[in-house]
Amino acid sequence: MFASQLEPDQWYLRINSELCADSILNRAVEHARVLDIKGPNMREYTAGLKAEMEKGYWD
């Protein structure tokens, strides 16, 4: 299982070696099913909650 915030076509940009990228992604994507999950960014959501909880704490 792979989880990524990048679109599959952007994976090549993150792997420095073109040969390695081809090798890894050909094997990983050949029989893969892509599940695109839409929804809020949980890091931003939890950061917002934390900021609300800490509001006024340092005043």
PDB file of N, CA and C in Angstrom:
ATOM      1  N   MET A   1       0.848  -1.166   0.000  1.00  0.00           N
ATOM      2  CA  MET A   1       0.000   0.000   0.000  1.00  0.00           C
ATOM      3  C   MET A   1       0.898   1.236   0.000  1.00  0.00           C
ATOM      4  N   PHE A   2       0.565   2.144  -0.863  1.00  0.00           N
ATOM      5  CA  PHE A   2       1.245   3.429  -0.925  1.00  0.00           C
ATOM      6  C   PHE A   2       0.224   4.509  -0.594  1.00  0.00           C
ATOM      7  N   ALA A   3       0.637   5.472   0.166  1.00  0.00           N
ATOM      8  CA  ALA A   3      -0.206   6.631   0.451  1.00  0.00           C
ATOM      9  C   ALA A   3       0.605   7.877   0.111  1.00  0.00           C
ATOM     10  N   SER A   4      -0.015   8.786  -0.597  1.00  0.00           N
ATOM     11  CA  SER A   4       0.710   9.974  -1.029  1.00  0.00           C
ATOM     12  C   SER A   4      -0.249  11.149  -1.171  1.00  0.00           C
ATOM     13  N   GLN A   5       0.265  12.319  -0.915  1.00  0.00           N
ATOM     14  CA  GLN A   5      -0.508  13.525  -1.166  1.00  0.00           C
ATOM     15  C   GLN A   5      -0.270  14.041  -2.575  1.00  0.00           C
ATOM     16  N   LEU A   6       0.667  13.423  -3.280  1.00  0.00           N
ATOM     17  CA  LEU A   6       0.968  13.813  -4.652  1.00  0.00           C
ATOM     18  C   LEU A   6       0.147  12.982  -5.624  1.00  0.00           C
ATOM     19  N   GLU A   7      -0.150  13.557  -6.754  1.00  0.00           N
ATOM     20  CA  GLU A   7      -0.770  12.807  -7.834  1.00  0.00           C
ATOM     21  C   GLU A   7       0.269  11.845  -8.398  1.00  0.00           C
ATOM     22  N   PRO A   8      -0.144  10.673  -8.889  1.00  0.00           N
ATOM     23  CA  PRO A   8       0.831   9.701  -9.417  1.00  0.00           C
ATOM     24  C   PRO A   8       1.760  10.265 -10.485  1.00  0.00           C
ATOM     25  N   ASP A   9       1.294  11.181 -11.323  1.00  0.00           N
ATOM     26  CA  ASP A   9       2.181  11.739 -12.349  1.00  0.00           C
ATOM     27  C   ASP A   9       3.255  12.649 -11.750  1.00  0.00           C
ATOM     28  N   GLN A  10       3.112  13.038 -10.495  1.00  0.00           N
ATOM     29  CA  GLN A  10       4.119  13.866  -9.832  1.00  0.00           C
ATOM     30  C   GLN A  10       5.151  13.034  -9.071  1.00  0.00           C
ATOM     31  N   TRP A  11       4.917  11.721  -8.954  1.00  0.00           N
ATOM     32  CA  TRP A  11       5.849  10.869  -8.222  1.00  0.00           C
ATOM     33  C   TRP A  11       7.224  10.869  -8.861  1.00  0.00           C
ATOM     34  N   TYR A  12       7.283  10.916 -10.188  1.00  0.00           N
ATOM     35  CA  TYR A  12       8.567  10.917 -10.879  1.00  0.00           C
ATOM     36  C   TYR A  12       9.412  12.130 -10.493  1.00  0.00           C
ATOM     37  N   LEU A  13       8.759  13.235 -10.208  1.00  0.00           N
ATOM     38  CA  LEU A  13       9.486  14.450  -9.859  1.00  0.00           C
ATOM     39  C   LEU A  13      10.181  14.338  -8.507  1.00  0.00           C
ATOM     40  N   ARG A  14       9.693  13.469  -7.631  1.00  0.00           N
ATOM     41  CA  ARG A  14      10.244  13.332  -6.281  1.00  0.00           C
ATOM     42  C   ARG A  14      11.367  12.311  -6.187  1.00  0.00           C
ATOM     43  N   ILE A  15      11.484  11.439  -7.185  1.00  0.00           N
ATOM     44  CA  ILE A  15      12.548  10.437  -7.192  1.00  0.00           C
ATOM     45  C   ILE A  15      13.650  10.951  -8.110  1.00  0.00           C
ATOM     46  N   ASN A  16      14.829  11.168  -7.555  1.00  0.00           N
ATOM     47  CA  ASN A  16      15.905  11.843  -8.292  1.00  0.00           C
ATOM     48  C   ASN A  16      16.396  11.090  -9.518  1.00  0.00           C
ATOM     49  N   SER A  17      16.456   9.780  -9.454  1.00  0.00           N
ATOM     50  CA  SER A  17      16.978   8.985 -10.560  1.00  0.00           C
ATOM     51  C   SER A  17      15.837   8.536 -11.465  1.00  0.00           C
ATOM     52  N   GLU A  18      15.905   8.884 -12.730  1.00  0.00           N
ATOM     53  CA  GLU A  18      14.849   8.495 -13.667  1.00  0.00           C
ATOM     54  C   GLU A  18      14.759   6.976 -13.791  1.00  0.00           C
ATOM     55  N   LEU A  19      15.904   6.291 -13.784  1.00  0.00           N
ATOM     56  CA  LEU A  19      15.935   4.830 -13.874  1.00  0.00           C
ATOM     57  C   LEU A  19      15.267   4.202 -12.651  1.00  0.00           C
ATOM     58  N   CYS A  20      15.589   4.706 -11.477  1.00  0.00           N
ATOM     59  CA  CYS A  20      14.967   4.197 -10.249  1.00  0.00           C
ATOM     60  C   CYS A  20      13.472   4.484 -10.239  1.00  0.00           C
ATOM     61  N   ALA A  21      13.096   5.670 -10.654  1.00  0.00           N
ATOM     62  CA  ALA A  21      11.680   6.027 -10.691  1.00  0.00           C
ATOM     63  C   ALA A  21      10.914   5.078 -11.608  1.00  0.00           C
ATOM     64  N   ASP A  22      11.452   4.813 -12.794  1.00  0.00           N
ATOM     65  CA  ASP A  22      10.796   3.890 -13.715  1.00  0.00           C
ATOM     66  C   ASP A  22      10.678   2.498 -13.111  1.00  0.00           C
ATOM     67  N   SER A  23      11.746   2.017 -12.511  1.00  0.00           N
ATOM     68  CA  SER A  23      11.749   0.678 -11.929  1.00  0.00           C
ATOM     69  C   SER A  23      10.732   0.550 -10.801  1.00  0.00           C
ATOM     70  N   ILE A  24      10.752   1.486  -9.892  1.00  0.00           N
ATOM     71  CA  ILE A  24       9.855   1.438  -8.736  1.00  0.00           C
ATOM     72  C   ILE A  24       8.403   1.602  -9.164  1.00  0.00           C
ATOM     73  N   LEU A  25       8.136   2.625  -9.958  1.00  0.00           N
ATOM     74  CA  LEU A  25       6.755   2.939 -10.287  1.00  0.00           C
ATOM     75  C   LEU A  25       6.131   1.945 -11.264  1.00  0.00           C
ATOM     76  N   ASN A  26       6.920   1.377 -12.160  1.00  0.00           N
ATOM     77  CA  ASN A  26       6.364   0.358 -13.051  1.00  0.00           C
ATOM     78  C   ASN A  26       5.873  -0.837 -12.257  1.00  0.00           C
ATOM     79  N   ARG A  27       6.639  -1.252 -11.265  1.00  0.00           N
ATOM     80  CA  ARG A  27       6.233  -2.393 -10.440  1.00  0.00           C
ATOM     81  C   ARG A  27       5.063  -2.037  -9.534  1.00  0.00           C
ATOM     82  N   ALA A  28       5.083  -0.844  -8.985  1.00  0.00           N
ATOM     83  CA  ALA A  28       4.043  -0.453  -8.031  1.00  0.00           C
ATOM     84  C   ALA A  28       2.714  -0.153  -8.705  1.00  0.00           C
ATOM     85  N   VAL A  29       2.741   0.411  -9.897  1.00  0.00           N
ATOM     86  CA  VAL A  29       1.524   0.901 -10.531  1.00  0.00           C
ATOM     87  C   VAL A  29       0.931  -0.106 -11.522  1.00  0.00           C
ATOM     88  N   GLU A  30       1.703  -1.102 -11.902  1.00  0.00           N
ATOM     89  CA  GLU A  30       1.260  -2.025 -12.942  1.00  0.00           C
ATOM     90  C   GLU A  30      -0.104  -2.656 -12.636  1.00  0.00           C
ATOM     91  N   HIS A  31      -0.300  -3.133 -11.438  1.00  0.00           N
ATOM     92  CA  HIS A  31      -1.563  -3.775 -11.067  1.00  0.00           C
ATOM     93  C   HIS A  31      -2.278  -3.007  -9.960  1.00  0.00           C
ATOM     94  N   ALA A  32      -1.964  -1.743  -9.835  1.00  0.00           N
ATOM     95  CA  ALA A  32      -2.501  -0.952  -8.732  1.00  0.00           C
ATOM     96  C   ALA A  32      -3.928  -0.485  -9.003  1.00  0.00           C
ATOM     97  N   ARG A  33      -4.595  -0.240  -7.940  1.00  0.00           N
ATOM     98  CA  ARG A  33      -5.889   0.447  -7.977  1.00  0.00           C
ATOM     99  C   ARG A  33      -5.684   1.768  -7.251  1.00  0.00           C
ATOM    100  N   VAL A  34      -6.098   2.813  -7.872  1.00  0.00           N
ATOM    101  CA  VAL A  34      -5.927   4.140  -7.286  1.00  0.00           C
ATOM    102  C   VAL A  34      -7.224   4.538  -6.613  1.00  0.00           C
ATOM    103  N   LEU A  35      -7.125   4.898  -5.361  1.00  0.00           N
ATOM    104  CA  LEU A  35      -8.270   5.353  -4.587  1.00  0.00           C
ATOM    105  C   LEU A  35      -8.025   6.814  -4.252  1.00  0.00           C
ATOM    106  N   ASP A  36      -8.772   7.682  -4.874  1.00  0.00           N
ATOM    107  CA  ASP A  36      -8.611   9.121  -4.677  1.00  0.00           C
ATOM    108  C   ASP A  36      -9.602   9.563  -3.612  1.00  0.00           C
ATOM    109  N   ILE A  37      -9.095   9.943  -2.472  1.00  0.00           N
ATOM    110  CA  ILE A  37      -9.942  10.334  -1.349  1.00  0.00           C
ATOM    111  C   ILE A  37      -9.995  11.856  -1.290  1.00  0.00           C
ATOM    112  N   LYS A  38     -11.176  12.382  -1.327  1.00  0.00           N
ATOM    113  CA  LYS A  38     -11.371  13.828  -1.230  1.00  0.00           C
ATOM    114  C   LYS A  38     -11.778  14.172   0.197  1.00  0.00           C
ATOM    115  N   GLY A  39     -11.366  15.298   0.647  1.00  0.00           N
ATOM    116  CA  GLY A  39     -11.749  15.724   1.983  1.00  0.00           C
ATOM    117  C   GLY A  39     -10.782  16.764   2.502  1.00  0.00           C
ATOM    118  N   PRO A  40     -10.977  17.169   3.744  1.00  0.00           N
ATOM    119  CA  PRO A  40     -10.120  18.206   4.305  1.00  0.00           C
ATOM    120  C   PRO A  40      -8.714  17.685   4.568  1.00  0.00           C
ATOM    121  N   ASN A  41      -7.764  18.577   4.537  1.00  0.00           N
ATOM    122  CA  ASN A  41      -6.392  18.256   4.895  1.00  0.00           C
ATOM    123  C   ASN A  41      -6.349  18.150   6.416  1.00  0.00           C
ATOM    124  N   MET A  42      -6.105  16.952   6.928  1.00  0.00           N
ATOM    125  CA  MET A  42      -6.180  16.733   8.367  1.00  0.00           C
ATOM    126  C   MET A  42      -5.082  17.458   9.137  1.00  0.00           C
ATOM    127  N   ARG A  43      -3.921  17.675   8.513  1.00  0.00           N
ATOM    128  CA  ARG A  43      -2.871  18.435   9.199  1.00  0.00           C
ATOM    129  C   ARG A  43      -3.317  19.868   9.427  1.00  0.00           C
ATOM    130  N   GLU A  44      -3.929  20.475   8.410  1.00  0.00           N
ATOM    131  CA  GLU A  44      -4.418  21.844   8.564  1.00  0.00           C
ATOM    132  C   GLU A  44      -5.565  21.890   9.568  1.00  0.00           C
ATOM    133  N   TYR A  45      -6.434  20.908   9.516  1.00  0.00           N
ATOM    134  CA  TYR A  45      -7.587  20.855  10.420  1.00  0.00           C
ATOM    135  C   TYR A  45      -7.126  20.755  11.880  1.00  0.00           C
ATOM    136  N   THR A  46      -6.221  19.811  12.177  1.00  0.00           N
ATOM    137  CA  THR A  46      -5.772  19.644  13.558  1.00  0.00           C
ATOM    138  C   THR A  46      -4.920  20.825  14.021  1.00  0.00           C
ATOM    139  N   ALA A  47      -4.164  21.440  13.103  1.00  0.00           N
ATOM    140  CA  ALA A  47      -3.398  22.633  13.472  1.00  0.00           C
ATOM    141  C   ALA A  47      -4.345  23.766  13.853  1.00  0.00           C
ATOM    142  N   GLY A  48      -5.451  23.884  13.127  1.00  0.00           N
ATOM    143  CA  GLY A  48      -6.445  24.907  13.453  1.00  0.00           C
ATOM    144  C   GLY A  48      -7.083  24.661  14.807  1.00  0.00           C
ATOM    145  N   LEU A  49      -7.389  23.397  15.095  1.00  0.00           N
ATOM    146  CA  LEU A  49      -7.958  23.061  16.402  1.00  0.00           C
ATOM    147  C   LEU A  49      -6.976  23.372  17.526  1.00  0.00           C
ATOM    148  N   LYS A  50      -5.715  23.033  17.306  1.00  0.00           N
ATOM    149  CA  LYS A  50      -4.691  23.291  18.319  1.00  0.00           C
ATOM    150  C   LYS A  50      -4.527  24.789  18.543  1.00  0.00           C
ATOM    151  N   ALA A  51      -4.550  25.554  17.457  1.00  0.00           N
ATOM    152  CA  ALA A  51      -4.419  27.013  17.574  1.00  0.00           C
ATOM    153  C   ALA A  51      -5.588  27.601  18.348  1.00  0.00           C
ATOM    154  N   GLU A  52      -6.783  27.081  18.117  1.00  0.00           N
ATOM    155  CA  GLU A  52      -7.965  27.567  18.847  1.00  0.00           C
ATOM    156  C   GLU A  52      -7.843  27.252  20.334  1.00  0.00           C
ATOM    157  N   MET A  53      -7.350  26.055  20.660  1.00  0.00           N
ATOM    158  CA  MET A  53      -7.214  25.658  22.066  1.00  0.00           C
ATOM    159  C   MET A  53      -6.171  26.502  22.780  1.00  0.00           C
ATOM    160  N   GLU A  54      -5.099  26.893  22.034  1.00  0.00           N
ATOM    161  CA  GLU A  54      -4.015  27.647  22.647  1.00  0.00           C
ATOM    162  C   GLU A  54      -4.237  29.159  22.597  1.00  0.00           C
ATOM    163  N   LYS A  55      -5.305  29.593  21.943  1.00  0.00           N
ATOM    164  CA  LYS A  55      -5.562  31.026  21.825  1.00  0.00           C
ATOM    165  C   LYS A  55      -5.709  31.635  23.230  1.00  0.00           C
ATOM    166  N   GLY A  56      -4.941  32.648  23.471  1.00  0.00           N
ATOM    167  CA  GLY A  56      -4.989  33.318  24.766  1.00  0.00           C
ATOM    168  C   GLY A  56      -4.127  32.665  25.830  1.00  0.00           C
ATOM    169  N   TYR A  57      -3.558  31.504  25.537  1.00  0.00           N
ATOM    170  CA  TYR A  57      -2.750  30.804  26.522  1.00  0.00           C
ATOM    171  C   TYR A  57      -1.506  31.592  26.911  1.00  0.00           C
ATOM    172  N   TRP A  58      -0.874  32.244  25.929  1.00  0.00           N
ATOM    173  CA  TRP A  58       0.378  32.952  26.204  1.00  0.00           C
ATOM    174  C   TRP A  58       0.162  34.421  26.547  1.00  0.00           C
ATOM    175  N   ASP A  59      -1.051  34.866  26.580  1.00  0.00           N
ATOM    176  CA  ASP A  59      -1.317  36.291  26.873  1.00  0.00           C
ATOM    177  C   ASP A  59      -1.182  36.588  28.337  1.00  0.00           C
TER     178      ASP A  59
END
